[in-house]
């Protein structure tokens, strides 16, 4: 999982809110709010909430 937003470089903790496309481009919620049609600016793909990762070992 990428640790920061690709637009503003804001830190994105594993359990925090973030959005990804099918190519795993990663964005914070603030940047996604400004994207046209909530589409990935890199590939035009649909953005979805990034799943959280369990902290279990």
N, C-alpha and C. Protein backbone atom coordinates (compact mmCIF):
# COMPACT_ATOMS: atom_id res chain seq x y z
N UNK A 1 0.85 -1.18 0.00
CA UNK A 1 0.00 0.00 0.00
C UNK A 1 0.89 1.24 0.00
N UNK A 2 0.55 2.15 -0.84
CA UNK A 2 1.34 3.38 -0.91
C UNK A 2 1.10 4.23 0.33
N UNK A 3 2.16 4.83 0.85
CA UNK A 3 2.06 5.55 2.12
C UNK A 3 1.59 7.00 2.01
N UNK A 4 1.49 7.54 0.79
CA UNK A 4 1.15 8.96 0.65
C UNK A 4 0.30 9.20 -0.60
N UNK A 5 -0.46 10.29 -0.56
CA UNK A 5 -1.28 10.71 -1.70
C UNK A 5 -0.36 11.10 -2.87
N UNK A 6 -0.72 10.66 -4.06
CA UNK A 6 0.09 10.97 -5.24
C UNK A 6 -0.01 12.42 -5.67
N UNK A 7 -1.00 13.15 -5.17
CA UNK A 7 -1.18 14.54 -5.56
C UNK A 7 -0.54 15.50 -4.57
N UNK A 8 -0.89 15.37 -3.29
CA UNK A 8 -0.43 16.34 -2.29
C UNK A 8 0.63 15.79 -1.33
N UNK A 9 0.95 14.52 -1.44
CA UNK A 9 1.95 13.84 -0.61
C UNK A 9 1.54 13.72 0.86
N UNK A 10 0.25 13.88 1.14
CA UNK A 10 -0.26 13.70 2.52
C UNK A 10 -0.08 12.24 2.92
N UNK A 11 0.36 12.01 4.16
CA UNK A 11 0.54 10.65 4.67
C UNK A 11 -0.81 9.93 4.73
N UNK A 12 -0.83 8.66 4.31
CA UNK A 12 -2.04 7.84 4.32
C UNK A 12 -1.76 6.57 5.13
N UNK A 13 -2.07 6.60 6.43
CA UNK A 13 -1.84 5.42 7.26
C UNK A 13 -2.64 4.23 6.75
N UNK A 14 -2.19 3.02 7.05
CA UNK A 14 -2.83 1.78 6.57
C UNK A 14 -4.31 1.73 6.92
N UNK A 15 -4.73 2.25 8.05
CA UNK A 15 -6.13 2.23 8.45
C UNK A 15 -6.89 3.49 8.12
N UNK A 16 -6.22 4.45 7.47
CA UNK A 16 -6.84 5.74 7.18
C UNK A 16 -7.63 5.73 5.89
N UNK A 17 -8.38 6.82 5.67
CA UNK A 17 -9.19 6.93 4.46
C UNK A 17 -8.31 7.29 3.26
N UNK A 18 -8.44 6.50 2.21
CA UNK A 18 -7.72 6.75 0.96
C UNK A 18 -8.52 6.12 -0.17
N UNK A 19 -8.23 6.53 -1.39
CA UNK A 19 -8.93 6.02 -2.56
C UNK A 19 -7.92 5.47 -3.56
N UNK A 20 -8.31 4.40 -4.28
CA UNK A 20 -7.44 3.81 -5.29
C UNK A 20 -8.25 3.51 -6.56
N UNK A 21 -7.53 3.37 -7.68
CA UNK A 21 -8.14 2.91 -8.92
C UNK A 21 -7.66 1.48 -9.16
N UNK A 22 -8.01 0.89 -10.29
CA UNK A 22 -7.61 -0.49 -10.56
C UNK A 22 -6.09 -0.64 -10.77
N UNK A 23 -5.40 0.46 -11.05
CA UNK A 23 -3.95 0.43 -11.18
C UNK A 23 -3.26 0.76 -9.86
N UNK A 24 -4.04 0.92 -8.81
CA UNK A 24 -3.58 1.23 -7.46
C UNK A 24 -2.96 2.62 -7.33
N UNK A 25 -3.36 3.55 -8.21
CA UNK A 25 -3.01 4.95 -7.98
C UNK A 25 -3.70 5.31 -6.67
N UNK A 26 -3.05 6.07 -5.82
CA UNK A 26 -3.55 6.29 -4.47
C UNK A 26 -3.70 7.78 -4.17
N UNK A 27 -4.87 8.13 -3.61
CA UNK A 27 -5.21 9.54 -3.39
C UNK A 27 -5.89 9.72 -2.04
N UNK A 28 -5.72 10.90 -1.44
CA UNK A 28 -6.44 11.23 -0.20
C UNK A 28 -7.84 11.73 -0.56
N UNK A 29 -8.73 11.72 0.41
CA UNK A 29 -10.12 12.14 0.19
C UNK A 29 -10.21 13.60 -0.25
N UNK A 30 -9.36 14.46 0.28
CA UNK A 30 -9.40 15.88 -0.09
C UNK A 30 -9.08 16.09 -1.57
N UNK A 31 -8.10 15.39 -2.07
CA UNK A 31 -7.75 15.52 -3.50
C UNK A 31 -8.83 14.92 -4.37
N UNK A 32 -9.37 13.76 -4.00
CA UNK A 32 -10.42 13.11 -4.79
C UNK A 32 -11.64 14.01 -4.92
N UNK A 33 -11.94 14.79 -3.90
CA UNK A 33 -13.10 15.69 -3.95
C UNK A 33 -12.99 16.70 -5.09
N UNK A 34 -11.77 17.00 -5.53
CA UNK A 34 -11.57 17.96 -6.60
C UNK A 34 -11.40 17.34 -7.98
N UNK A 35 -11.39 16.01 -8.07
CA UNK A 35 -11.22 15.34 -9.36
C UNK A 35 -12.54 15.34 -10.13
N UNK A 36 -12.50 15.59 -11.42
CA UNK A 36 -13.68 15.56 -12.28
C UNK A 36 -14.29 14.17 -12.27
N UNK A 37 -15.57 14.08 -11.99
CA UNK A 37 -16.31 12.81 -11.98
C UNK A 37 -15.72 11.77 -11.02
N UNK A 38 -14.92 12.20 -10.04
CA UNK A 38 -14.27 11.29 -9.09
C UNK A 38 -13.51 10.19 -9.82
N UNK A 39 -12.89 10.53 -10.94
CA UNK A 39 -12.10 9.58 -11.72
C UNK A 39 -10.61 9.82 -11.49
N UNK A 40 -9.83 8.75 -11.63
CA UNK A 40 -8.38 8.85 -11.46
C UNK A 40 -7.81 9.77 -12.54
N UNK A 41 -7.04 10.79 -12.15
CA UNK A 41 -6.47 11.69 -13.15
C UNK A 41 -5.34 11.04 -13.95
N UNK A 42 -4.80 9.93 -13.47
CA UNK A 42 -3.73 9.24 -14.21
C UNK A 42 -4.28 8.38 -15.34
N UNK A 43 -5.33 7.60 -15.05
CA UNK A 43 -5.82 6.62 -16.02
C UNK A 43 -7.30 6.78 -16.37
N UNK A 44 -8.01 7.64 -15.65
CA UNK A 44 -9.44 7.84 -15.90
C UNK A 44 -10.32 6.79 -15.25
N UNK A 45 -9.71 5.88 -14.50
CA UNK A 45 -10.46 4.80 -13.87
C UNK A 45 -11.31 5.26 -12.70
N UNK A 46 -12.25 4.40 -12.32
CA UNK A 46 -13.14 4.63 -11.20
C UNK A 46 -12.36 4.54 -9.89
N UNK A 47 -12.58 5.48 -9.00
CA UNK A 47 -11.91 5.47 -7.70
C UNK A 47 -12.81 4.84 -6.65
N UNK A 48 -12.22 3.98 -5.84
CA UNK A 48 -12.92 3.29 -4.76
C UNK A 48 -12.14 3.49 -3.47
N UNK A 49 -12.85 3.36 -2.34
CA UNK A 49 -12.14 3.41 -1.06
C UNK A 49 -11.11 2.30 -1.00
N UNK A 50 -9.93 2.66 -0.55
CA UNK A 50 -8.87 1.66 -0.39
C UNK A 50 -9.22 0.75 0.77
N UNK A 51 -9.11 -0.56 0.59
CA UNK A 51 -9.40 -1.46 1.71
C UNK A 51 -8.35 -1.30 2.81
N UNK A 52 -8.75 -1.58 4.02
CA UNK A 52 -7.81 -1.50 5.14
C UNK A 52 -7.05 -2.81 5.23
N UNK A 53 -5.91 -2.76 5.84
CA UNK A 53 -5.07 -3.95 6.02
C UNK A 53 -5.06 -4.31 7.49
N UNK A 54 -5.26 -5.57 7.77
CA UNK A 54 -5.23 -6.05 9.14
C UNK A 54 -3.82 -5.89 9.70
N UNK A 55 -3.74 -5.56 10.96
CA UNK A 55 -2.43 -5.39 11.60
C UNK A 55 -1.96 -6.70 12.24
N UNK A 56 -2.68 -7.79 12.00
CA UNK A 56 -2.28 -9.09 12.55
C UNK A 56 -1.03 -9.59 11.85
N UNK A 57 -0.22 -10.30 12.60
CA UNK A 57 1.02 -10.85 12.03
C UNK A 57 0.82 -12.25 11.53
